[in-house]
Amino acid sequence: VTIQRLLVESALAGSRPTVTVGKDQLVALMEIRRVLAGV
């Protein structure tokens, strides 16, 4: 993202994860879910 977007998201997100962080966490969780499906 741009620095401007990073600053706006970070300031307005409060204690919630920003869109950027949320996407990364979502990708990680989806991978865990895939592994869990294999188990």
PDB file of all heavy atoms in Angstrom:
ATOM      1  N   VAL A   1       0.854  -1.185   0.000  1.00  0.00           N
ATOM      2  CA  VAL A   1       0.000   0.000   0.000  1.00  0.00           C
ATOM      3  C   VAL A   1       0.891   1.235   0.000  1.00  0.00           C
ATOM      4  O   VAL A   1       2.094   1.144   0.230  1.00  0.00           O
ATOM      5  CB  VAL A   1      -0.948   0.038   1.226  1.00  0.00           C
ATOM      6  CG1 VAL A   1      -1.926  -1.116   1.202  1.00  0.00           C
ATOM      7  CG2 VAL A   1      -0.170   0.054   2.525  1.00  0.00           C
ATOM      8  N   THR A   2       0.278   2.382  -0.230  1.00  0.00           N
ATOM      9  CA  THR A   2       1.033   3.632  -0.142  1.00  0.00           C
ATOM     10  C   THR A   2       1.205   4.012   1.333  1.00  0.00           C
ATOM     11  O   THR A   2       0.469   3.533   2.199  1.00  0.00           O
ATOM     12  CB  THR A   2       0.295   4.776  -0.862  1.00  0.00           C
ATOM     13  OG1 THR A   2      -0.952   4.987  -0.208  1.00  0.00           O
ATOM     14  CG2 THR A   2       0.089   4.457  -2.344  1.00  0.00           C
ATOM     15  N   ILE A   3       2.157   4.880   1.597  1.00  0.00           N
ATOM     16  CA  ILE A   3       2.358   5.351   2.968  1.00  0.00           C
ATOM     17  C   ILE A   3       1.099   6.086   3.440  1.00  0.00           C
ATOM     18  O   ILE A   3       0.667   5.920   4.584  1.00  0.00           O
ATOM     19  CB  ILE A   3       3.609   6.239   3.080  1.00  0.00           C
ATOM     20  CG1 ILE A   3       4.870   5.384   2.898  1.00  0.00           C
ATOM     21  CG2 ILE A   3       3.649   6.964   4.420  1.00  0.00           C
ATOM     22  CD1 ILE A   3       6.170   6.157   2.896  1.00  0.00           C
ATOM     23  N   GLN A   4       0.479   6.855   2.563  1.00  0.00           N
ATOM     24  CA  GLN A   4      -0.734   7.575   2.932  1.00  0.00           C
ATOM     25  C   GLN A   4      -1.830   6.597   3.359  1.00  0.00           C
ATOM     26  O   GLN A   4      -2.494   6.802   4.384  1.00  0.00           O
ATOM     27  CB  GLN A   4      -1.232   8.429   1.753  1.00  0.00           C
ATOM     28  CG  GLN A   4      -0.319   9.580   1.414  1.00  0.00           C
ATOM     29  CD  GLN A   4       0.848   9.184   0.499  1.00  0.00           C
ATOM     30  OE1 GLN A   4       1.143   8.021   0.266  1.00  0.00           O
ATOM     31  NE2 GLN A   4       1.536  10.195  -0.008  1.00  0.00           N
ATOM     32  N   ARG A   5      -2.019   5.538   2.590  1.00  0.00           N
ATOM     33  CA  ARG A   5      -3.051   4.559   2.937  1.00  0.00           C
ATOM     34  C   ARG A   5      -2.711   3.874   4.257  1.00  0.00           C
ATOM     35  O   ARG A   5      -3.574   3.653   5.099  1.00  0.00           O
ATOM     36  CB  ARG A   5      -3.202   3.532   1.822  1.00  0.00           C
ATOM     37  CG  ARG A   5      -4.282   2.518   2.146  1.00  0.00           C
ATOM     38  CD  ARG A   5      -4.588   1.609   0.997  1.00  0.00           C
ATOM     39  NE  ARG A   5      -5.690   0.728   1.352  1.00  0.00           N
ATOM     40  CZ  ARG A   5      -6.328  -0.033   0.508  1.00  0.00           C
ATOM     41  NH1 ARG A   5      -5.995  -0.025  -0.767  1.00  0.00           N
ATOM     42  NH2 ARG A   5      -7.308  -0.815   0.908  1.00  0.00           N
ATOM     43  N   LEU A   6      -1.435   3.546   4.438  1.00  0.00           N
ATOM     44  CA  LEU A   6      -0.997   2.917   5.678  1.00  0.00           C
ATOM     45  C   LEU A   6      -1.323   3.802   6.882  1.00  0.00           C
ATOM     46  O   LEU A   6      -1.861   3.332   7.882  1.00  0.00           O
ATOM     47  CB  LEU A   6       0.510   2.643   5.626  1.00  0.00           C
ATOM     48  CG  LEU A   6       1.141   2.106   6.898  1.00  0.00           C
ATOM     49  CD1 LEU A   6       0.725   0.657   7.122  1.00  0.00           C
ATOM     50  CD2 LEU A   6       2.646   2.223   6.836  1.00  0.00           C
ATOM     51  N   LEU A   7      -1.032   5.088   6.776  1.00  0.00           N
ATOM     52  CA  LEU A   7      -1.295   6.009   7.881  1.00  0.00           C
ATOM     53  C   LEU A   7      -2.788   6.143   8.163  1.00  0.00           C
ATOM     54  O   LEU A   7      -3.216   6.099   9.323  1.00  0.00           O
ATOM     55  CB  LEU A   7      -0.682   7.375   7.580  1.00  0.00           C
ATOM     56  CG  LEU A   7       0.847   7.439   7.573  1.00  0.00           C
ATOM     57  CD1 LEU A   7       1.324   8.802   7.078  1.00  0.00           C
ATOM     58  CD2 LEU A   7       1.409   7.121   8.944  1.00  0.00           C
ATOM     59  N   VAL A   8      -3.598   6.277   7.127  1.00  0.00           N
ATOM     60  CA  VAL A   8      -5.044   6.429   7.317  1.00  0.00           C
ATOM     61  C   VAL A   8      -5.623   5.155   7.924  1.00  0.00           C
ATOM     62  O   VAL A   8      -6.379   5.207   8.901  1.00  0.00           O
ATOM     63  CB  VAL A   8      -5.739   6.788   5.983  1.00  0.00           C
ATOM     64  CG1 VAL A   8      -7.260   6.690   6.105  1.00  0.00           C
ATOM     65  CG2 VAL A   8      -5.339   8.188   5.543  1.00  0.00           C
ATOM     66  N   GLU A   9      -5.284   3.999   7.357  1.00  0.00           N
ATOM     67  CA  GLU A   9      -5.809   2.736   7.884  1.00  0.00           C
ATOM     68  C   GLU A   9      -5.403   2.529   9.336  1.00  0.00           C
ATOM     69  O   GLU A   9      -6.222   2.125  10.165  1.00  0.00           O
ATOM     70  CB  GLU A   9      -5.310   1.554   7.058  1.00  0.00           C
ATOM     71  CG  GLU A   9      -6.009   1.373   5.740  1.00  0.00           C
ATOM     72  CD  GLU A   9      -5.522   0.138   5.014  1.00  0.00           C
ATOM     73  OE1 GLU A   9      -4.661  -0.599   5.548  1.00  0.00           O
ATOM     74  OE2 GLU A   9      -6.009  -0.099   3.908  1.00  0.00           O
ATOM     75  N   SER A  10      -4.146   2.778   9.628  1.00  0.00           N
ATOM     76  CA  SER A  10      -3.645   2.559  10.983  1.00  0.00           C
ATOM     77  C   SER A  10      -4.343   3.475  11.983  1.00  0.00           C
ATOM     78  O   SER A  10      -4.705   3.043  13.075  1.00  0.00           O
ATOM     79  CB  SER A  10      -2.140   2.804  11.044  1.00  0.00           C
ATOM     80  OG  SER A  10      -1.464   1.894  10.210  1.00  0.00           O
ATOM     81  N   ALA A  11      -4.531   4.720  11.611  1.00  0.00           N
ATOM     82  CA  ALA A  11      -5.168   5.669  12.526  1.00  0.00           C
ATOM     83  C   ALA A  11      -6.644   5.356  12.745  1.00  0.00           C
ATOM     84  O   ALA A  11      -7.154   5.471  13.856  1.00  0.00           O
ATOM     85  CB  ALA A  11      -5.012   7.086  11.977  1.00  0.00           C
ATOM     86  N   LEU A  12      -7.339   4.941  11.705  1.00  0.00           N
ATOM     87  CA  LEU A  12      -8.778   4.721  11.810  1.00  0.00           C
ATOM     88  C   LEU A  12      -9.151   3.319  12.268  1.00  0.00           C
ATOM     89  O   LEU A  12     -10.293   3.081  12.638  1.00  0.00           O
ATOM     90  CB  LEU A  12      -9.447   5.018  10.457  1.00  0.00           C
ATOM     91  CG  LEU A  12      -9.311   6.467   9.975  1.00  0.00           C
ATOM     92  CD1 LEU A  12      -9.981   6.629   8.615  1.00  0.00           C
ATOM     93  CD2 LEU A  12      -9.888   7.438  10.980  1.00  0.00           C
ATOM     94  N   ALA A  13      -8.193   2.413  12.260  1.00  0.00           N
ATOM     95  CA  ALA A  13      -8.493   1.023  12.623  1.00  0.00           C
ATOM     96  C   ALA A  13      -8.688   0.851  14.125  1.00  0.00           C
ATOM     97  O   ALA A  13      -9.347  -0.086  14.559  1.00  0.00           O
ATOM     98  CB  ALA A  13      -7.379   0.099  12.142  1.00  0.00           C
ATOM     99  N   GLY A  14      -8.125   1.723  14.933  1.00  0.00           N
ATOM    100  CA  GLY A  14      -8.217   1.563  16.387  1.00  0.00           C
ATOM    101  C   GLY A  14      -7.504   0.285  16.798  1.00  0.00           C
ATOM    102  O   GLY A  14      -6.379   0.043  16.397  1.00  0.00           O
ATOM    103  N   SER A  15      -8.176  -0.554  17.580  1.00  0.00           N
ATOM    104  CA  SER A  15      -7.550  -1.792  18.038  1.00  0.00           C
ATOM    105  C   SER A  15      -7.732  -2.935  17.042  1.00  0.00           C
ATOM    106  O   SER A  15      -7.164  -4.000  17.209  1.00  0.00           O
ATOM    107  CB  SER A  15      -8.137  -2.203  19.396  1.00  0.00           C
ATOM    108  OG  SER A  15      -9.524  -2.449  19.255  1.00  0.00           O
ATOM    109  N   ARG A  16      -8.546  -2.705  16.004  1.00  0.00           N
ATOM    110  CA  ARG A  16      -8.742  -3.747  14.989  1.00  0.00           C
ATOM    111  C   ARG A  16      -7.546  -3.775  14.045  1.00  0.00           C
ATOM    112  O   ARG A  16      -6.877  -2.766  13.856  1.00  0.00           O
ATOM    113  CB  ARG A  16      -9.989  -3.452  14.156  1.00  0.00           C
ATOM    114  CG  ARG A  16     -11.275  -3.468  14.945  1.00  0.00           C
ATOM    115  CD  ARG A  16     -12.372  -2.964  14.072  1.00  0.00           C
ATOM    116  NE  ARG A  16     -11.905  -1.691  13.506  1.00  0.00           N
ATOM    117  CZ  ARG A  16     -12.643  -0.840  12.840  1.00  0.00           C
ATOM    118  NH1 ARG A  16     -13.880  -1.101  12.610  1.00  0.00           N
ATOM    119  NH2 ARG A  16     -12.147   0.274  12.386  1.00  0.00           N
ATOM    120  N   PRO A  17      -7.299  -4.916  13.405  1.00  0.00           N
ATOM    121  CA  PRO A  17      -6.217  -4.952  12.433  1.00  0.00           C
ATOM    122  C   PRO A  17      -6.574  -4.108  11.208  1.00  0.00           C
ATOM    123  O   PRO A  17      -7.745  -3.988  10.866  1.00  0.00           O
ATOM    124  CB  PRO A  17      -6.112  -6.430  12.043  1.00  0.00           C
ATOM    125  CG  PRO A  17      -7.242  -7.124  12.687  1.00  0.00           C
ATOM    126  CD  PRO A  17      -7.945  -6.188  13.596  1.00  0.00           C
ATOM    127  N   THR A  18      -5.577  -3.514  10.584  1.00  0.00           N
ATOM    128  CA  THR A  18      -5.825  -2.745   9.373  1.00  0.00           C
ATOM    129  C   THR A  18      -6.174  -3.703   8.242  1.00  0.00           C
ATOM    130  O   THR A  18      -5.983  -4.911   8.351  1.00  0.00           O
ATOM    131  CB  THR A  18      -4.573  -1.936   8.974  1.00  0.00           C
ATOM    132  OG1 THR A  18      -3.526  -2.846   8.662  1.00  0.00           O
ATOM    133  CG2 THR A  18      -4.153  -0.986  10.073  1.00  0.00           C
ATOM    134  N   VAL A  19      -6.674  -3.163   7.146  1.00  0.00           N
ATOM    135  CA  VAL A  19      -7.018  -3.990   5.990  1.00  0.00           C
ATOM    136  C   VAL A  19      -5.795  -4.775   5.536  1.00  0.00           C
ATOM    137  O   VAL A  19      -5.862  -5.972   5.254  1.00  0.00           O
ATOM    138  CB  VAL A  19      -7.540  -3.098   4.842  1.00  0.00           C
ATOM    139  CG1 VAL A  19      -7.680  -3.895   3.561  1.00  0.00           C
ATOM    140  CG2 VAL A  19      -8.858  -2.466   5.234  1.00  0.00           C
ATOM    141  N   THR A  20      -4.659  -4.108   5.517  1.00  0.00           N
ATOM    142  CA  THR A  20      -3.432  -4.749   5.059  1.00  0.00           C
ATOM    143  C   THR A  20      -3.037  -5.902   5.969  1.00  0.00           C
ATOM    144  O   THR A  20      -2.773  -7.011   5.509  1.00  0.00           O
ATOM    145  CB  THR A  20      -2.288  -3.713   5.003  1.00  0.00           C
ATOM    146  OG1 THR A  20      -2.717  -2.621   4.190  1.00  0.00           O
ATOM    147  CG2 THR A  20      -1.041  -4.314   4.433  1.00  0.00           C
ATOM    148  N   VAL A  21      -3.003  -5.661   7.262  1.00  0.00           N
ATOM    149  CA  VAL A  21      -2.653  -6.713   8.214  1.00  0.00           C
ATOM    150  C   VAL A  21      -3.701  -7.807   8.178  1.00  0.00           C
ATOM    151  O   VAL A  21      -3.389  -8.991   8.205  1.00  0.00           O
ATOM    152  CB  VAL A  21      -2.498  -6.131   9.636  1.00  0.00           C
ATOM    153  CG1 VAL A  21      -2.344  -7.230  10.661  1.00  0.00           C
ATOM    154  CG2 VAL A  21      -1.313  -5.185   9.692  1.00  0.00           C
ATOM    155  N   GLY A  22      -4.965  -7.399   8.103  1.00  0.00           N
ATOM    156  CA  GLY A  22      -6.053  -8.368   8.051  1.00  0.00           C
ATOM    157  C   GLY A  22      -5.935  -9.319   6.876  1.00  0.00           C
ATOM    158  O   GLY A  22      -6.189 -10.514   7.007  1.00  0.00           O
ATOM    159  N   LYS A  23      -5.526  -8.810   5.711  1.00  0.00           N
ATOM    160  CA  LYS A  23      -5.355  -9.662   4.528  1.00  0.00           C
ATOM    161  C   LYS A  23      -4.273 -10.694   4.778  1.00  0.00           C
ATOM    162  O   LYS A  23      -4.435 -11.869   4.451  1.00  0.00           O
ATOM    163  CB  LYS A  23      -5.000  -8.818   3.302  1.00  0.00           C
ATOM    164  CG  LYS A  23      -6.140  -8.043   2.728  1.00  0.00           C
ATOM    165  CD  LYS A  23      -5.667  -7.250   1.523  1.00  0.00           C
ATOM    166  CE  LYS A  23      -6.730  -6.331   1.007  1.00  0.00           C
ATOM    167  NZ  LYS A  23      -6.236  -5.497  -0.100  1.00  0.00           N
ATOM    168  N   ASP A  24      -3.161 -10.256   5.347  1.00  0.00           N
ATOM    169  CA  ASP A  24      -2.060 -11.184   5.623  1.00  0.00           C
ATOM    170  C   ASP A  24      -2.493 -12.254   6.620  1.00  0.00           C
ATOM    171  O   ASP A  24      -2.184 -13.427   6.467  1.00  0.00           O
ATOM    172  CB  ASP A  24      -0.833 -10.429   6.159  1.00  0.00           C
ATOM    173  CG  ASP A  24      -0.202  -9.522   5.113  1.00  0.00           C
ATOM    174  OD1 ASP A  24      -0.478  -9.725   3.909  1.00  0.00           O
ATOM    175  OD2 ASP A  24       0.553  -8.623   5.488  1.00  0.00           O
ATOM    176  N   GLN A  25      -3.229 -11.848   7.655  1.00  0.00           N
ATOM    177  CA  GLN A  25      -3.705 -12.811   8.646  1.00  0.00           C
ATOM    178  C   GLN A  25      -4.726 -13.754   8.031  1.00  0.00           C
ATOM    179  O   GLN A  25      -4.743 -14.945   8.340  1.00  0.00           O
ATOM    180  CB  GLN A  25      -4.302 -12.083   9.849  1.00  0.00           C
ATOM    181  CG  GLN A  25      -3.253 -11.377  10.670  1.00  0.00           C
ATOM    182  CD  GLN A  25      -3.844 -10.516  11.770  1.00  0.00           C
ATOM    183  OE1 GLN A  25      -5.016 -10.161  11.729  1.00  0.00           O
ATOM    184  NE2 GLN A  25      -3.029 -10.172  12.742  1.00  0.00           N
ATOM    185  N   LEU A  26      -5.556 -13.241   7.157  1.00  0.00           N
ATOM    186  CA  LEU A  26      -6.553 -14.078   6.496  1.00  0.00           C
ATOM    187  C   LEU A  26      -5.869 -15.140   5.641  1.00  0.00           C
ATOM    188  O   LEU A  26      -6.261 -16.305   5.670  1.00  0.00           O
ATOM    189  CB  LEU A  26      -7.484 -13.216   5.647  1.00  0.00           C
ATOM    190  CG  LEU A  26      -8.607 -13.934   4.921  1.00  0.00           C
ATOM    191  CD1 LEU A  26      -9.538 -14.623   5.923  1.00  0.00           C
ATOM    192  CD2 LEU A  26      -9.390 -12.963   4.058  1.00  0.00           C
ATOM    193  N   VAL A  27      -4.840 -14.758   4.913  1.00  0.00           N
ATOM    194  CA  VAL A  27      -4.102 -15.719   4.091  1.00  0.00           C
ATOM    195  C   VAL A  27      -3.493 -16.804   4.979  1.00  0.00           C
ATOM    196  O   VAL A  27      -3.577 -17.996   4.671  1.00  0.00           O
ATOM    197  CB  VAL A  27      -3.008 -15.005   3.259  1.00  0.00           C
ATOM    198  CG1 VAL A  27      -2.052 -16.000   2.631  1.00  0.00           C
ATOM    199  CG2 VAL A  27      -3.651 -14.148   2.188  1.00  0.00           C
ATOM    200  N   ALA A  28      -2.896 -16.398   6.105  1.00  0.00           N
ATOM    201  CA  ALA A  28      -2.300 -17.369   7.028  1.00  0.00           C
ATOM    202  C   ALA A  28      -3.365 -18.301   7.601  1.00  0.00           C
ATOM    203  O   ALA A  28      -3.160 -19.524   7.692  1.00  0.00           O
ATOM    204  CB  ALA A  28      -1.555 -16.653   8.148  1.00  0.00           C
ATOM    205  N   LEU A  29      -4.504 -17.744   7.994  1.00  0.00           N
ATOM    206  CA  LEU A  29      -5.576 -18.577   8.542  1.00  0.00           C
ATOM    207  C   LEU A  29      -6.143 -19.532   7.497  1.00  0.00           C
ATOM    208  O   LEU A  29      -6.474 -20.680   7.816  1.00  0.00           O
ATOM    209  CB  LEU A  29      -6.684 -17.698   9.115  1.00  0.00           C
ATOM    210  CG  LEU A  29      -6.343 -17.016  10.438  1.00  0.00           C
ATOM    211  CD1 LEU A  29      -7.389 -15.969  10.778  1.00  0.00           C
ATOM    212  CD2 LEU A  29      -6.226 -18.038  11.549  1.00  0.00           C
ATOM    213  N   MET A  30      -6.249 -19.074   6.272  1.00  0.00           N
ATOM    214  CA  MET A  30      -6.748 -19.961   5.210  1.00  0.00           C
ATOM    215  C   MET A  30      -5.784 -21.127   4.992  1.00  0.00           C
ATOM    216  O   MET A  30      -6.205 -22.255   4.738  1.00  0.00           O
ATOM    217  CB  MET A  30      -6.956 -19.179   3.915  1.00  0.00           C
ATOM    218  CG  MET A  30      -8.044 -18.124   4.021  1.00  0.00           C
ATOM    219  SD  MET A  30      -9.664 -18.805   4.377  1.00  0.00           S
ATOM    220  CE  MET A  30     -10.144 -19.307   2.756  1.00  0.00           C
ATOM    221  N   GLU A  31      -4.485 -20.869   5.103  1.00  0.00           N
ATOM    222  CA  GLU A  31      -3.503 -21.947   4.976  1.00  0.00           C
ATOM    223  C   GLU A  31      -3.652 -22.937   6.125  1.00  0.00           C
ATOM    224  O   GLU A  31      -3.599 -24.155   5.924  1.00  0.00           O
ATOM    225  CB  GLU A  31      -2.086 -21.365   4.937  1.00  0.00           C
ATOM    226  CG  GLU A  31      -0.981 -22.403   4.916  1.00  0.00           C
ATOM    227  CD  GLU A  31      -0.976 -23.294   3.683  1.00  0.00           C
ATOM    228  OE1 GLU A  31      -1.623 -22.968   2.672  1.00  0.00           O
ATOM    229  OE2 GLU A  31      -0.315 -24.351   3.729  1.00  0.00           O
ATOM    230  N   ILE A  32      -3.848 -22.421   7.341  1.00  0.00           N
ATOM    231  CA  ILE A  32      -4.049 -23.299   8.493  1.00  0.00           C
ATOM    232  C   ILE A  32      -5.309 -24.131   8.301  1.00  0.00           C
ATOM    233  O   ILE A  32      -5.332 -25.327   8.588  1.00  0.00           O
ATOM    234  CB  ILE A  32      -4.126 -22.474   9.801  1.00  0.00           C
ATOM    235  CG1 ILE A  32      -2.767 -21.856  10.107  1.00  0.00           C
ATOM    236  CG2 ILE A  32      -4.598 -23.336  10.963  1.00  0.00           C
ATOM    237  CD1 ILE A  32      -2.802 -20.817  11.207  1.00  0.00           C
ATOM    238  N   ARG A  33      -6.344 -23.510   7.797  1.00  0.00           N
ATOM    239  CA  ARG A  33      -7.598 -24.221   7.551  1.00  0.00           C
ATOM    240  C   ARG A  33      -7.391 -25.346   6.533  1.00  0.00           C
ATOM    241  O   ARG A  33      -7.941 -26.434   6.665  1.00  0.00           O
ATOM    242  CB  ARG A  33      -8.645 -23.227   7.051  1.00  0.00           C
ATOM    243  CG  ARG A  33     -10.037 -23.767   6.987  1.00  0.00           C
ATOM    244  CD  ARG A  33     -10.948 -22.720   6.383  1.00  0.00           C
ATOM    245  NE  ARG A  33     -12.177 -22.611   7.121  1.00  0.00           N
ATOM    246  CZ  ARG A  33     -13.137 -21.759   6.822  1.00  0.00           C
ATOM    247  NH1 ARG A  33     -12.970 -20.912   5.834  1.00  0.00           N
ATOM    248  NH2 ARG A  33     -14.253 -21.738   7.511  1.00  0.00           N
ATOM    249  N   ARG A  34      -6.578 -25.073   5.498  1.00  0.00           N
ATOM    250  CA  ARG A  34      -6.282 -26.080   4.481  1.00  0.00           C
ATOM    251  C   ARG A  34      -5.547 -27.266   5.097  1.00  0.00           C
ATOM    252  O   ARG A  34      -5.874 -28.433   4.849  1.00  0.00           O
ATOM    253  CB  ARG A  34      -5.444 -25.470   3.353  1.00  0.00           C
ATOM    254  CG  ARG A  34      -5.207 -26.416   2.181  1.00  0.00           C
ATOM    255  CD  ARG A  34      -4.172 -25.870   1.216  1.00  0.00           C
ATOM    256  NE  ARG A  34      -2.845 -25.799   1.804  1.00  0.00           N
ATOM    257  CZ  ARG A  34      -2.062 -26.839   2.033  1.00  0.00           C
ATOM    258  NH1 ARG A  34      -2.455 -28.055   1.742  1.00  0.00           N
ATOM    259  NH2 ARG A  34      -0.868 -26.684   2.572  1.00  0.00           N
ATOM    260  N   VAL A  35      -4.566 -26.977   5.944  1.00  0.00           N
ATOM    261  CA  VAL A  35      -3.825 -28.047   6.621  1.00  0.00           C
ATOM    262  C   VAL A  35      -4.755 -28.834   7.537  1.00  0.00           C
ATOM    263  O   VAL A  35      -4.709 -30.077   7.585  1.00  0.00           O
ATOM    264  CB  VAL A  35      -2.631 -27.465   7.412  1.00  0.00           C
ATOM    265  CG1 VAL A  35      -1.993 -28.517   8.303  1.00  0.00           C
ATOM    266  CG2 VAL A  35      -1.602 -26.878   6.451  1.00  0.00           C
ATOM    267  N   LEU A  36      -5.618 -28.123   8.245  1.00  0.00           N
ATOM    268  CA  LEU A  36      -6.570 -28.778   9.129  1.00  0.00           C
ATOM    269  C   LEU A  36      -7.494 -29.704   8.331  1.00  0.00           C
ATOM    270  O   LEU A  36      -7.826 -30.803   8.788  1.00  0.00           O
ATOM    271  CB  LEU A  36      -7.387 -27.743   9.893  1.00  0.00           C
ATOM    272  CG  LEU A  36      -8.427 -28.286  10.870  1.00  0.00           C
ATOM    273  CD1 LEU A  36      -7.753 -29.127  11.950  1.00  0.00           C
ATOM    274  CD2 LEU A  36      -9.206 -27.144  11.485  1.00  0.00           C
ATOM    275  N   ALA A  37      -7.884 -29.290   7.146  1.00  0.00           N
ATOM    276  CA  ALA A  37      -8.724 -30.141   6.299  1.00  0.00           C
ATOM    277  C   ALA A  37      -7.982 -31.423   5.933  1.00  0.00           C
ATOM    278  O   ALA A  37      -8.583 -32.508   5.889  1.00  0.00           O
ATOM    279  CB  ALA A  37      -9.144 -29.390   5.040  1.00  0.00           C
ATOM    280  N   GLY A  38      -6.673 -31.316   5.694  1.00  0.00           N
ATOM    281  CA  GLY A  38      -5.871 -32.510   5.419  1.00  0.00           C
ATOM    282  C   GLY A  38      -5.827 -33.444   6.613  1.00  0.00           C
ATOM    283  O   GLY A  38      -5.933 -34.672   6.464  1.00  0.00           O
ATOM    284  N   VAL A  39      -5.698 -32.867   7.810  1.00  0.00           N
ATOM    285  CA  VAL A  39      -5.697 -33.678   9.037  1.00  0.00           C
ATOM    286  C   VAL A  39      -7.045 -34.372   9.202  1.00  0.00           C
ATOM    287  O   VAL A  39      -7.122 -35.558   9.531  1.00  0.00           O
ATOM    288  CB  VAL A  39      -5.380 -32.796  10.275  1.00  0.00           C
ATOM    289  CG1 VAL A  39      -5.606 -33.564  11.567  1.00  0.00           C
ATOM    290  CG2 VAL A  39      -3.949 -32.279  10.205  1.00  0.00           C
TER     291      VAL A  39
END
